[in-house]
Amino acid sequence: MSVRLKKISALIQEELSLIFLHKVQDPELGLVTITNVKVTPDLKIAKVYISILDKSKREYVMNHIESLKGFLRTELAHRVRIKNTPELNFYLDDTLDYVEKMEELFNKIRKDDSKEHN
């Protein structure tokens, strides 16, 4: 990824985070974090990865964000000065789930290992 694309991705990530913080007034969403943004080389599509703290609300939050796409893109267009504002595609970032699962496995291994040595 070029330096320009990285800068644009970082700018979009920062601005979307601010939009969620200040403009999206829905307490039902809970804690939503923009973890990464990847922009295609032609700047037409931005893949936005989000982390949702409350696992039980993930489907609701993803659907709600999907319904806000037009609003989010318009807000982004007002804040980011690039020729064309990219289309926003949202994806669930489940990296923390993976880390949590790996941590559980390591703890289980340590626990089993300590039982064998006692």
PDB file of N, CA and C in Angstrom:
ATOM      1  N   MET A   1       0.850  -1.176   0.000  1.00  0.00           N
ATOM      2  CA  MET A   1       0.000   0.000   0.000  1.00  0.00           C
ATOM      3  C   MET A   1       0.899   1.245   0.000  1.00  0.00           C
ATOM      4  N   SER A   2       0.566   2.197  -0.859  1.00  0.00           N
ATOM      5  CA  SER A   2       1.385   3.405  -0.971  1.00  0.00           C
ATOM      6  C   SER A   2       1.218   4.292   0.261  1.00  0.00           C
ATOM      7  N   VAL A   3       2.146   5.215   0.418  1.00  0.00           N
ATOM      8  CA  VAL A   3       2.105   6.145   1.544  1.00  0.00           C
ATOM      9  C   VAL A   3       0.825   6.983   1.461  1.00  0.00           C
ATOM     10  N   ARG A   4       0.470   7.406   0.252  1.00  0.00           N
ATOM     11  CA  ARG A   4      -0.737   8.216   0.058  1.00  0.00           C
ATOM     12  C   ARG A   4      -1.982   7.454   0.515  1.00  0.00           C
ATOM     13  N   LEU A   5      -2.100   6.181   0.116  1.00  0.00           N
ATOM     14  CA  LEU A   5      -3.259   5.376   0.515  1.00  0.00           C
ATOM     15  C   LEU A   5      -3.298   5.172   2.025  1.00  0.00           C
ATOM     16  N   LYS A   6      -2.135   4.982   2.630  1.00  0.00           N
ATOM     17  CA  LYS A   6      -2.077   4.821   4.082  1.00  0.00           C
ATOM     18  C   LYS A   6      -2.544   6.081   4.789  1.00  0.00           C
ATOM     19  N   LYS A   7      -2.126   7.241   4.284  1.00  0.00           N
ATOM     20  CA  LYS A   7      -2.530   8.511   4.883  1.00  0.00           C
ATOM     21  C   LYS A   7      -4.033   8.737   4.742  1.00  0.00           C
ATOM     22  N   ILE A   8      -4.566   8.443   3.567  1.00  0.00           N
ATOM     23  CA  ILE A   8      -6.005   8.607   3.337  1.00  0.00           C
ATOM     24  C   ILE A   8      -6.790   7.638   4.213  1.00  0.00           C
ATOM     25  N   SER A   9      -6.333   6.394   4.317  1.00  0.00           N
ATOM     26  CA  SER A   9      -6.994   5.399   5.176  1.00  0.00           C
ATOM     27  C   SER A   9      -7.004   5.859   6.630  1.00  0.00           C
ATOM     28  N   ALA A  10      -5.865   6.354   7.102  1.00  0.00           N
ATOM     29  CA  ALA A  10      -5.766   6.822   8.488  1.00  0.00           C
ATOM     30  C   ALA A  10      -6.676   8.024   8.723  1.00  0.00           C
ATOM     31  N   LEU A  11      -6.737   8.924   7.753  1.00  0.00           N
ATOM     32  CA  LEU A  11      -7.596  10.100   7.874  1.00  0.00           C
ATOM     33  C   LEU A  11      -9.068   9.695   7.926  1.00  0.00           C
ATOM     34  N   ILE A  12      -9.460   8.768   7.060  1.00  0.00           N
ATOM     35  CA  ILE A  12     -10.850   8.282   7.058  1.00  0.00           C
ATOM     36  C   ILE A  12     -11.168   7.604   8.386  1.00  0.00           C
ATOM     37  N   GLN A  13     -10.236   6.795   8.898  1.00  0.00           N
ATOM     38  CA  GLN A  13     -10.441   6.121  10.180  1.00  0.00           C
ATOM     39  C   GLN A  13     -10.649   7.144  11.296  1.00  0.00           C
ATOM     40  N   GLU A  14      -9.820   8.165  11.331  1.00  0.00           N
ATOM     41  CA  GLU A  14      -9.916   9.187  12.368  1.00  0.00           C
ATOM     42  C   GLU A  14     -11.244   9.948  12.259  1.00  0.00           C
ATOM     43  N   GLU A  15     -11.593  10.358  11.061  1.00  0.00           N
ATOM     44  CA  GLU A  15     -12.813  11.144  10.878  1.00  0.00           C
ATOM     45  C   GLU A  15     -14.067  10.316  11.157  1.00  0.00           C
ATOM     46  N   LEU A  16     -14.087   9.063  10.730  1.00  0.00           N
ATOM     47  CA  LEU A  16     -15.244   8.200  11.030  1.00  0.00           C
ATOM     48  C   LEU A  16     -15.385   7.991  12.538  1.00  0.00           C
ATOM     49  N   SER A  17     -14.263   7.853  13.220  1.00  0.00           N
ATOM     50  CA  SER A  17     -14.300   7.703  14.680  1.00  0.00           C
ATOM     51  C   SER A  17     -14.936   8.927  15.316  1.00  0.00           C
ATOM     52  N   LEU A  18     -14.567  10.099  14.831  1.00  0.00           N
ATOM     53  CA  LEU A  18     -15.132  11.339  15.365  1.00  0.00           C
ATOM     54  C   LEU A  18     -16.620  11.463  15.033  1.00  0.00           C
ATOM     55  N   ILE A  19     -16.994  11.031  13.838  1.00  0.00           N
ATOM     56  CA  ILE A  19     -18.416  11.065  13.449  1.00  0.00           C
ATOM     57  C   ILE A  19     -19.220  10.163  14.375  1.00  0.00           C
ATOM     58  N   PHE A  20     -18.728   8.956  14.612  1.00  0.00           N
ATOM     59  CA  PHE A  20     -19.426   8.043  15.528  1.00  0.00           C
ATOM     60  C   PHE A  20     -19.520   8.645  16.926  1.00  0.00           C
ATOM     61  N   LEU A  21     -18.461   9.277  17.358  1.00  0.00           N
ATOM     62  CA  LEU A  21     -18.414   9.845  18.704  1.00  0.00           C
ATOM     63  C   LEU A  21     -19.366  11.027  18.867  1.00  0.00           C
ATOM     64  N   HIS A  22     -19.413  11.909  17.862  1.00  0.00           N
ATOM     65  CA  HIS A  22     -20.153  13.165  18.022  1.00  0.00           C
ATOM     66  C   HIS A  22     -21.485  13.235  17.284  1.00  0.00           C
ATOM     67  N   LYS A  23     -21.652  12.486  16.210  1.00  0.00           N
ATOM     68  CA  LYS A  23     -22.844  12.645  15.373  1.00  0.00           C
ATOM     69  C   LYS A  23     -23.836  11.495  15.468  1.00  0.00           C
ATOM     70  N   VAL A  24     -23.354  10.310  15.774  1.00  0.00           N
ATOM     71  CA  VAL A  24     -24.251   9.154  15.869  1.00  0.00           C
ATOM     72  C   VAL A  24     -24.708   9.053  17.322  1.00  0.00           C
ATOM     73  N   GLN A  25     -25.909   9.522  17.571  1.00  0.00           N
ATOM     74  CA  GLN A  25     -26.426   9.599  18.934  1.00  0.00           C
ATOM     75  C   GLN A  25     -27.354   8.417  19.221  1.00  0.00           C
ATOM     76  N   ASP A  26     -26.795   7.235  19.319  1.00  0.00           N
ATOM     77  CA  ASP A  26     -27.597   6.053  19.595  1.00  0.00           C
ATOM     78  C   ASP A  26     -26.935   5.238  20.696  1.00  0.00           C
ATOM     79  N   PRO A  27     -27.443   5.356  21.925  1.00  0.00           N
ATOM     80  CA  PRO A  27     -26.841   4.607  23.028  1.00  0.00           C
ATOM     81  C   PRO A  27     -26.945   3.093  22.848  1.00  0.00           C
ATOM     82  N   GLU A  28     -27.869   2.638  22.009  1.00  0.00           N
ATOM     83  CA  GLU A  28     -28.019   1.197  21.755  1.00  0.00           C
ATOM     84  C   GLU A  28     -26.800   0.597  21.064  1.00  0.00           C
ATOM     85  N   LEU A  29     -26.024   1.428  20.376  1.00  0.00           N
ATOM     86  CA  LEU A  29     -24.853   0.918  19.669  1.00  0.00           C
ATOM     87  C   LEU A  29     -23.761   0.470  20.627  1.00  0.00           C
ATOM     88  N   GLY A  30     -23.708   1.069  21.801  1.00  0.00           N
ATOM     89  CA  GLY A  30     -22.661   0.711  22.748  1.00  0.00           C
ATOM     90  C   GLY A  30     -21.309   1.196  22.254  1.00  0.00           C
ATOM     91  N   LEU A  31     -20.264   0.491  22.641  1.00  0.00           N
ATOM     92  CA  LEU A  31     -18.909   0.889  22.267  1.00  0.00           C
ATOM     93  C   LEU A  31     -18.546   0.285  20.911  1.00  0.00           C
ATOM     94  N   VAL A  32     -18.391   1.162  19.930  1.00  0.00           N
ATOM     95  CA  VAL A  32     -17.995   0.767  18.577  1.00  0.00           C
ATOM     96  C   VAL A  32     -16.663   1.436  18.290  1.00  0.00           C
ATOM     97  N   THR A  33     -15.688   0.649  17.856  1.00  0.00           N
ATOM     98  CA  THR A  33     -14.363   1.178  17.571  1.00  0.00           C
ATOM     99  C   THR A  33     -13.990   0.895  16.125  1.00  0.00           C
ATOM    100  N   ILE A  34     -13.526   1.915  15.425  1.00  0.00           N
ATOM    101  CA  ILE A  34     -13.021   1.731  14.061  1.00  0.00           C
ATOM    102  C   ILE A  34     -11.584   1.236  14.226  1.00  0.00           C
ATOM    103  N   THR A  35     -11.341  -0.021  13.889  1.00  0.00           N
ATOM    104  CA  THR A  35     -10.013  -0.592  14.124  1.00  0.00           C
ATOM    105  C   THR A  35      -9.074  -0.448  12.933  1.00  0.00           C
ATOM    106  N   ASN A  36      -9.649  -0.342  11.721  1.00  0.00           N
ATOM    107  CA  ASN A  36      -8.807  -0.258  10.535  1.00  0.00           C
ATOM    108  C   ASN A  36      -9.640   0.217   9.363  1.00  0.00           C
ATOM    109  N   VAL A  37      -8.999   0.879   8.420  1.00  0.00           N
ATOM    110  CA  VAL A  37      -9.638   1.256   7.166  1.00  0.00           C
ATOM    111  C   VAL A  37      -8.651   0.937   6.049  1.00  0.00           C
ATOM    112  N   LYS A  38      -9.152   0.275   5.019  1.00  0.00           N
ATOM    113  CA  LYS A  38      -8.332  -0.021   3.843  1.00  0.00           C
ATOM    114  C   LYS A  38      -9.046   0.547   2.624  1.00  0.00           C
ATOM    115  N   VAL A  39      -8.354   1.438   1.931  1.00  0.00           N
ATOM    116  CA  VAL A  39      -8.928   2.080   0.753  1.00  0.00           C
ATOM    117  C   VAL A  39      -8.351   1.423  -0.495  1.00  0.00           C
ATOM    118  N   THR A  40      -9.224   1.180  -1.473  1.00  0.00           N
ATOM    119  CA  THR A  40      -8.757   0.601  -2.732  1.00  0.00           C
ATOM    120  C   THR A  40      -7.893   1.633  -3.460  1.00  0.00           C
ATOM    121  N   PRO A  41      -6.965   1.179  -4.317  1.00  0.00           N
ATOM    122  CA  PRO A  41      -6.057   2.113  -5.006  1.00  0.00           C
ATOM    123  C   PRO A  41      -6.775   3.209  -5.811  1.00  0.00           C
ATOM    124  N   ASP A  42      -7.973   2.922  -6.318  1.00  0.00           N
ATOM    125  CA  ASP A  42      -8.718   3.936  -7.076  1.00  0.00           C
ATOM    126  C   ASP A  42      -9.549   4.847  -6.165  1.00  0.00           C
ATOM    127  N   LEU A  43      -9.473   4.635  -4.864  1.00  0.00           N
ATOM    128  CA  LEU A  43     -10.175   5.428  -3.844  1.00  0.00           C
ATOM    129  C   LEU A  43     -11.695   5.355  -3.946  1.00  0.00           C
ATOM    130  N   LYS A  44     -12.215   4.322  -4.588  1.00  0.00           N
ATOM    131  CA  LYS A  44     -13.672   4.216  -4.746  1.00  0.00           C
ATOM    132  C   LYS A  44     -14.333   3.493  -3.583  1.00  0.00           C
ATOM    133  N   ILE A  45     -13.585   2.608  -2.914  1.00  0.00           N
ATOM    134  CA  ILE A  45     -14.160   1.822  -1.822  1.00  0.00           C
ATOM    135  C   ILE A  45     -13.236   1.888  -0.613  1.00  0.00           C
ATOM    136  N   ALA A  46     -13.862   2.082   0.546  1.00  0.00           N
ATOM    137  CA  ALA A  46     -13.129   2.022   1.813  1.00  0.00           C
ATOM    138  C   ALA A  46     -13.711   0.868   2.622  1.00  0.00           C
ATOM    139  N   LYS A  47     -12.859  -0.093   2.938  1.00  0.00           N
ATOM    140  CA  LYS A  47     -13.270  -1.199   3.804  1.00  0.00           C
ATOM    141  C   LYS A  47     -13.009  -0.753   5.235  1.00  0.00           C
ATOM    142  N   VAL A  48     -14.086  -0.650   6.003  1.00  0.00           N
ATOM    143  CA  VAL A  48     -13.998  -0.136   7.366  1.00  0.00           C
ATOM    144  C   VAL A  48     -14.219  -1.304   8.323  1.00  0.00           C
ATOM    145  N   TYR A  49     -13.223  -1.577   9.149  1.00  0.00           N
ATOM    146  CA  TYR A  49     -13.302  -2.675  10.111  1.00  0.00           C
ATOM    147  C   TYR A  49     -13.659  -2.107  11.471  1.00  0.00           C
ATOM    148  N   ILE A  50     -14.693  -2.689  12.072  1.00  0.00           N
ATOM    149  CA  ILE A  50     -15.147  -2.189  13.370  1.00  0.00           C
ATOM    150  C   ILE A  50     -15.169  -3.305  14.404  1.00  0.00           C
ATOM    151  N   SER A  51     -14.893  -2.900  15.621  1.00  0.00           N
ATOM    152  CA  SER A  51     -14.948  -3.816  16.749  1.00  0.00           C
ATOM    153  C   SER A  51     -16.129  -3.386  17.616  1.00  0.00           C
ATOM    154  N   ILE A  52     -16.943  -4.361  18.000  1.00  0.00           N
ATOM    155  CA  ILE A  52     -18.119  -4.099  18.830  1.00  0.00           C
ATOM    156  C   ILE A  52     -17.922  -4.833  20.143  1.00  0.00           C
ATOM    157  N   LEU A  53     -17.858  -4.079  21.227  1.00  0.00           N
ATOM    158  CA  LEU A  53     -17.543  -4.655  22.528  1.00  0.00           C
ATOM    159  C   LEU A  53     -18.592  -5.664  22.984  1.00  0.00           C
ATOM    160  N   ASP A  54     -19.867  -5.302  22.885  1.00  0.00           N
ATOM    161  CA  ASP A  54     -20.957  -6.165  23.342  1.00  0.00           C
ATOM    162  C   ASP A  54     -21.291  -7.198  22.267  1.00  0.00           C
ATOM    163  N   LYS A  55     -20.827  -8.429  22.473  1.00  0.00           N
ATOM    164  CA  LYS A  55     -21.019  -9.485  21.475  1.00  0.00           C
ATOM    165  C   LYS A  55     -22.485  -9.761  21.174  1.00  0.00           C
ATOM    166  N   SER A  56     -23.348  -9.582  22.160  1.00  0.00           N
ATOM    167  CA  SER A  56     -24.768  -9.880  21.970  1.00  0.00           C
ATOM    168  C   SER A  56     -25.454  -8.863  21.049  1.00  0.00           C
ATOM    169  N   LYS A  57     -24.840  -7.706  20.857  1.00  0.00           N
ATOM    170  CA  LYS A  57     -25.444  -6.654  20.028  1.00  0.00           C
ATOM    171  C   LYS A  57     -24.834  -6.546  18.641  1.00  0.00           C
ATOM    172  N   ARG A  58     -23.916  -7.420  18.311  1.00  0.00           N
ATOM    173  CA  ARG A  58     -23.168  -7.278  17.058  1.00  0.00           C
ATOM    174  C   ARG A  58     -24.060  -7.217  15.823  1.00  0.00           C
ATOM    175  N   GLU A  59     -25.019  -8.127  15.729  1.00  0.00           N
ATOM    176  CA  GLU A  59     -25.884  -8.152  14.550  1.00  0.00           C
ATOM    177  C   GLU A  59     -26.696  -6.859  14.449  1.00  0.00           C
ATOM    178  N   TYR A  60     -27.257  -6.421  15.573  1.00  0.00           N
ATOM    179  CA  TYR A  60     -28.031  -5.171  15.603  1.00  0.00           C
ATOM    180  C   TYR A  60     -27.154  -3.994  15.174  1.00  0.00           C
ATOM    181  N   VAL A  61     -25.956  -3.910  15.733  1.00  0.00           N
ATOM    182  CA  VAL A  61     -25.060  -2.789  15.450  1.00  0.00           C
ATOM    183  C   VAL A  61     -24.654  -2.783  13.978  1.00  0.00           C
ATOM    184  N   MET A  62     -24.300  -3.942  13.445  1.00  0.00           N
ATOM    185  CA  MET A  62     -23.904  -4.018  12.036  1.00  0.00           C
ATOM    186  C   MET A  62     -25.059  -3.588  11.129  1.00  0.00           C
ATOM    187  N   ASN A  63     -26.277  -4.041  11.436  1.00  0.00           N
ATOM    188  CA  ASN A  63     -27.442  -3.637  10.638  1.00  0.00           C
ATOM    189  C   ASN A  63     -27.691  -2.140  10.750  1.00  0.00           C
ATOM    190  N   HIS A  64     -27.560  -1.604  11.953  1.00  0.00           N
ATOM    191  CA  HIS A  64     -27.790  -0.178  12.170  1.00  0.00           C
ATOM    192  C   HIS A  64     -26.747   0.659  11.420  1.00  0.00           C
ATOM    193  N   ILE A  65     -25.496   0.242  11.490  1.00  0.00           N
ATOM    194  CA  ILE A  65     -24.438   0.971  10.783  1.00  0.00           C
ATOM    195  C   ILE A  65     -24.678   0.902   9.278  1.00  0.00           C
ATOM    196  N   GLU A  66     -25.119  -0.243   8.812  1.00  0.00           N
ATOM    197  CA  GLU A  66     -25.433  -0.399   7.386  1.00  0.00           C
ATOM    198  C   GLU A  66     -26.507   0.614   6.971  1.00  0.00           C
ATOM    199  N   SER A  67     -27.501   0.834   7.837  1.00  0.00           N
ATOM    200  CA  SER A  67     -28.568   1.789   7.522  1.00  0.00           C
ATOM    201  C   SER A  67     -28.076   3.241   7.591  1.00  0.00           C
ATOM    202  N   LEU A  68     -26.940   3.474   8.233  1.00  0.00           N
ATOM    203  CA  LEU A  68     -26.373   4.823   8.358  1.00  0.00           C
ATOM    204  C   LEU A  68     -25.314   5.132   7.297  1.00  0.00           C
ATOM    205  N   LYS A  69     -25.069   4.197   6.387  1.00  0.00           N
ATOM    206  CA  LYS A  69     -23.976   4.358   5.419  1.00  0.00           C
ATOM    207  C   LYS A  69     -24.034   5.679   4.658  1.00  0.00           C
ATOM    208  N   GLY A  70     -25.223   6.042   4.179  1.00  0.00           N
ATOM    209  CA  GLY A  70     -25.370   7.283   3.414  1.00  0.00           C
ATOM    210  C   GLY A  70     -25.024   8.503   4.258  1.00  0.00           C
ATOM    211  N   PHE A  71     -25.551   8.533   5.475  1.00  0.00           N
ATOM    212  CA  PHE A  71     -25.273   9.626   6.402  1.00  0.00           C
ATOM    213  C   PHE A  71     -23.772   9.705   6.701  1.00  0.00           C
ATOM    214  N   LEU A  72     -23.159   8.553   6.992  1.00  0.00           N
ATOM    215  CA  LEU A  72     -21.738   8.516   7.335  1.00  0.00           C
ATOM    216  C   LEU A  72     -20.878   9.002   6.166  1.00  0.00           C
ATOM    217  N   ARG A  73     -21.240   8.588   4.963  1.00  0.00           N
ATOM    218  CA  ARG A  73     -20.475   8.995   3.778  1.00  0.00           C
ATOM    219  C   ARG A  73     -20.612  10.497   3.541  1.00  0.00           C
ATOM    220  N   THR A  74     -21.814  11.029   3.718  1.00  0.00           N
ATOM    221  CA  THR A  74     -22.033  12.466   3.553  1.00  0.00           C
ATOM    222  C   THR A  74     -21.228  13.257   4.577  1.00  0.00           C
ATOM    223  N   GLU A  75     -21.281  12.820   5.824  1.00  0.00           N
ATOM    224  CA  GLU A  75     -20.498  13.487   6.880  1.00  0.00           C
ATOM    225  C   GLU A  75     -19.006  13.430   6.560  1.00  0.00           C
ATOM    226  N   LEU A  76     -18.565  12.274   6.091  1.00  0.00           N
ATOM    227  CA  LEU A  76     -17.155  12.108   5.744  1.00  0.00           C
ATOM    228  C   LEU A  76     -16.769  13.052   4.607  1.00  0.00           C
ATOM    229  N   ALA A  77     -17.649  13.199   3.624  1.00  0.00           N
ATOM    230  CA  ALA A  77     -17.380  14.086   2.485  1.00  0.00           C
ATOM    231  C   ALA A  77     -17.196  15.528   2.934  1.00  0.00           C
ATOM    232  N   HIS A  78     -17.922  15.950   3.965  1.00  0.00           N
ATOM    233  CA  HIS A  78     -17.785  17.316   4.480  1.00  0.00           C
ATOM    234  C   HIS A  78     -16.466  17.520   5.217  1.00  0.00           C
ATOM    235  N   ARG A  79     -15.895  16.444   5.727  1.00  0.00           N
ATOM    236  CA  ARG A  79     -14.695  16.554   6.564  1.00  0.00           C
ATOM    237  C   ARG A  79     -13.393  16.257   5.815  1.00  0.00           C
ATOM    238  N   VAL A  80     -13.461  15.386   4.824  1.00  0.00           N
ATOM    239  CA  VAL A  80     -12.256  14.948   4.118  1.00  0.00           C
ATOM    240  C   VAL A  80     -12.308  15.500   2.698  1.00  0.00           C
ATOM    241  N   ARG A  81     -11.297  16.263   2.352  1.00  0.00           N
ATOM    242  CA  ARG A  81     -11.270  16.893   1.033  1.00  0.00           C
ATOM    243  C   ARG A  81     -10.494  16.027   0.040  1.00  0.00           C
ATOM    244  N   ILE A  82     -11.214  15.087  -0.554  1.00  0.00           N
ATOM    245  CA  ILE A  82     -10.659  14.311  -1.662  1.00  0.00           C
ATOM    246  C   ILE A  82     -11.689  14.365  -2.786  1.00  0.00           C
ATOM    247  N   LYS A  83     -11.234  14.132  -4.005  1.00  0.00           N
ATOM    248  CA  LYS A  83     -12.092  14.292  -5.184  1.00  0.00           C
ATOM    249  C   LYS A  83     -13.402  13.528  -5.053  1.00  0.00           C
ATOM    250  N   ASN A  84     -13.322  12.258  -4.767  1.00  0.00           N
ATOM    251  CA  ASN A  84     -14.517  11.428  -4.586  1.00  0.00           C
ATOM    252  C   ASN A  84     -14.457  10.746  -3.227  1.00  0.00           C
ATOM    253  N   THR A  85     -15.532  10.855  -2.483  1.00  0.00           N
ATOM    254  CA  THR A  85     -15.598  10.158  -1.196  1.00  0.00           C
ATOM    255  C   THR A  85     -15.875   8.694  -1.472  1.00  0.00           C
ATOM    256  N   PRO A  86     -15.058   7.806  -0.936  1.00  0.00           N
ATOM    257  CA  PRO A  86     -15.246   6.381  -1.231  1.00  0.00           C
ATOM    258  C   PRO A  86     -16.541   5.816  -0.649  1.00  0.00           C
ATOM    259  N   GLU A  87     -17.030   4.775  -1.288  1.00  0.00           N
ATOM    260  CA  GLU A  87     -18.158   4.023  -0.753  1.00  0.00           C
ATOM    261  C   GLU A  87     -17.655   3.302   0.489  1.00  0.00           C
ATOM    262  N   LEU A  88     -18.469   3.276   1.535  1.00  0.00           N
ATOM    263  CA  LEU A  88     -18.061   2.658   2.796  1.00  0.00           C
ATOM    264  C   LEU A  88     -18.648   1.262   2.926  1.00  0.00           C
ATOM    265  N   ASN A  89     -17.787   0.291   3.105  1.00  0.00           N
ATOM    266  CA  ASN A  89     -18.216  -1.078   3.376  1.00  0.00           C
ATOM    267  C   ASN A  89     -17.717  -1.451   4.762  1.00  0.00           C
ATOM    268  N   PHE A  90     -18.639  -1.877   5.613  1.00  0.00           N
ATOM    269  CA  PHE A  90     -18.298  -2.173   7.002  1.00  0.00           C
ATOM    270  C   PHE A  90     -18.153  -3.671   7.227  1.00  0.00           C
ATOM    271  N   TYR A  91     -17.127  -4.028   7.988  1.00  0.00           N
ATOM    272  CA  TYR A  91     -16.845  -5.420   8.317  1.00  0.00           C
ATOM    273  C   TYR A  91     -16.585  -5.524   9.810  1.00  0.00           C
ATOM    274  N   LEU A  92     -17.016  -6.623  10.379  1.00  0.00           N
ATOM    275  CA  LEU A  92     -16.775  -6.869  11.800  1.00  0.00           C
ATOM    276  C   LEU A  92     -15.334  -7.322  11.980  1.00  0.00           C
ATOM    277  N   ASP A  93     -14.620  -6.655  12.850  1.00  0.00           N
ATOM    278  CA  ASP A  93     -13.254  -7.047  13.187  1.00  0.00           C
ATOM    279  C   ASP A  93     -13.323  -7.918  14.431  1.00  0.00           C
ATOM    280  N   ASP A  94     -13.126  -9.205  14.245  1.00  0.00           N
ATOM    281  CA  ASP A  94     -13.222 -10.134  15.373  1.00  0.00           C
ATOM    282  C   ASP A  94     -11.847 -10.562  15.873  1.00  0.00           C
ATOM    283  N   THR A  95     -10.851  -9.751  15.642  1.00  0.00           N
ATOM    284  CA  THR A  95      -9.491 -10.046  16.093  1.00  0.00           C
ATOM    285  C   THR A  95      -9.440 -10.249  17.602  1.00  0.00           C
ATOM    286  N   LEU A  96     -10.165  -9.411  18.329  1.00  0.00           N
ATOM    287  CA  LEU A  96     -10.147  -9.536  19.791  1.00  0.00           C
ATOM    288  C   LEU A  96     -10.742 -10.866  20.241  1.00  0.00           C
ATOM    289  N   ASP A  97     -11.748 -11.370  19.510  1.00  0.00           N
ATOM    290  CA  ASP A  97     -12.308 -12.686  19.820  1.00  0.00           C
ATOM    291  C   ASP A  97     -11.240 -13.761  19.665  1.00  0.00           C
ATOM    292  N   TYR A  98     -10.462 -13.643  18.602  1.00  0.00           N
ATOM    293  CA  TYR A  98      -9.400 -14.610  18.330  1.00  0.00           C
ATOM    294  C   TYR A  98      -8.342 -14.555  19.435  1.00  0.00           C
ATOM    295  N   VAL A  99      -7.951 -13.349  19.805  1.00  0.00           N
ATOM    296  CA  VAL A  99      -6.956 -13.170  20.869  1.00  0.00           C
ATOM    297  C   VAL A  99      -7.483 -13.766  22.178  1.00  0.00           C
ATOM    298  N   GLU A 100      -8.757 -13.492  22.462  1.00  0.00           N
ATOM    299  CA  GLU A 100      -9.382 -14.006  23.686  1.00  0.00           C
ATOM    300  C   GLU A 100      -9.379 -15.539  23.686  1.00  0.00           C
ATOM    301  N   LYS A 101      -9.716 -16.121  22.550  1.00  0.00           N
ATOM    302  CA  LYS A 101      -9.753 -17.585  22.444  1.00  0.00           C
ATOM    303  C   LYS A 101      -8.350 -18.174  22.613  1.00  0.00           C
ATOM    304  N   MET A 102      -7.358 -17.546  22.000  1.00  0.00           N
ATOM    305  CA  MET A 102      -5.981 -18.026  22.126  1.00  0.00           C
ATOM    306  C   MET A 102      -5.510 -17.921  23.579  1.00  0.00           C
ATOM    307  N   GLU A 103      -5.878 -16.832  24.237  1.00  0.00           N
ATOM    308  CA  GLU A 103      -5.507 -16.649  25.634  1.00  0.00           C
ATOM    309  C   GLU A 103      -6.113 -17.750  26.505  1.00  0.00           C
ATOM    310  N   GLU A 104      -7.375 -18.074  26.249  1.00  0.00           N
ATOM    311  CA  GLU A 104      -8.035 -19.158  26.984  1.00  0.00           C
ATOM    312  C   GLU A 104      -7.298 -20.478  26.773  1.00  0.00           C
ATOM    313  N   LEU A 105      -6.905 -20.753  25.529  1.00  0.00           N
ATOM    314  CA  LEU A 105      -6.182 -21.994  25.236  1.00  0.00           C
ATOM    315  C   LEU A 105      -4.833 -22.040  25.955  1.00  0.00           C
ATOM    316  N   PHE A 106      -4.103 -20.923  25.922  1.00  0.00           N
ATOM    317  CA  PHE A 106      -2.813 -20.880  26.607  1.00  0.00           C
ATOM    318  C   PHE A 106      -2.987 -21.066  28.110  1.00  0.00           C
ATOM    319  N   ASN A 107      -3.998 -20.443  28.691  1.00  0.00           N
ATOM    320  CA  ASN A 107      -4.253 -20.603  30.118  1.00  0.00           C
ATOM    321  C   ASN A 107      -4.584 -22.050  30.456  1.00  0.00           C
ATOM    322  N   LYS A 108      -5.371 -22.699  29.592  1.00  0.00           N
ATOM    323  CA  LYS A 108      -5.719 -24.102  29.813  1.00  0.00           C
ATOM    324  C   LYS A 108      -4.470 -24.987  29.741  1.00  0.00           C
ATOM    325  N   ILE A 109      -3.616 -24.711  28.778  1.00  0.00           N
ATOM    326  CA  ILE A 109      -2.372 -25.479  28.637  1.00  0.00           C
ATOM    327  C   ILE A 109      -1.504 -25.292  29.881  1.00  0.00           C
ATOM    328  N   ARG A 110      -1.367 -24.045  30.333  1.00  0.00           N
ATOM    329  CA  ARG A 110      -0.567 -23.780  31.541  1.00  0.00           C
ATOM    330  C   ARG A 110      -1.143 -24.506  32.754  1.00  0.00           C
ATOM    331  N   LYS A 111      -2.474 -24.465  32.863  1.00  0.00           N
ATOM    332  CA  LYS A 111      -3.156 -25.111  33.983  1.00  0.00           C
ATOM    333  C   LYS A 111      -2.932 -26.626  33.940  1.00  0.00           C
ATOM    334  N   ASP A 112      -3.121 -27.222  32.758  1.00  0.00           N
ATOM    335  CA  ASP A 112      -2.906 -28.663  32.600  1.00  0.00           C
ATOM    336  C   ASP A 112      -1.450 -29.032  32.860  1.00  0.00           C
ATOM    337  N   ASP A 113      -0.547 -28.175  32.397  1.00  0.00           N
ATOM    338  CA  ASP A 113       0.879 -28.420  32.569  1.00  0.00           C
ATOM    339  C   ASP A 113       1.265 -28.377  34.048  1.00  0.00           C
ATOM    340  N   SER A 114       0.694 -27.428  34.777  1.00  0.00           N
ATOM    341  CA  SER A 114       1.013 -27.329  36.212  1.00  0.00           C
ATOM    342  C   SER A 114       0.447 -28.507  36.987  1.00  0.00           C
ATOM    343  N   LYS A 115      -0.690 -29.060  36.545  1.00  0.00           N
ATOM    344  CA  LYS A 115      -1.277 -30.229  37.189  1.00  0.00           C
ATOM    345  C   LYS A 115      -0.374 -31.448  37.025  1.00  0.00           C
ATOM    346  N   GLU A 116       0.247 -31.563  35.823  1.00  0.00           N
ATOM    347  CA  GLU A 116       1.126 -32.698  35.555  1.00  0.00           C
ATOM    348  C   GLU A 116       2.387 -32.653  36.408  1.00  0.00           C
ATOM    349  N   HIS A 117       2.874 -31.458  36.708  1.00  0.00           N
ATOM    350  CA  HIS A 117       4.103 -31.309  37.481  1.00  0.00           C
ATOM    351  C   HIS A 117       3.879 -31.404  38.977  1.00  0.00           C
ATOM    352  N   ASN A 118       2.646 -31.411  39.414  1.00  0.00           N
ATOM    353  CA  ASN A 118       2.344 -31.516  40.854  1.00  0.00           C
ATOM    354  C   ASN A 118       2.059 -32.907  41.274  1.00  0.00           C
TER     355      ASN A 118
END
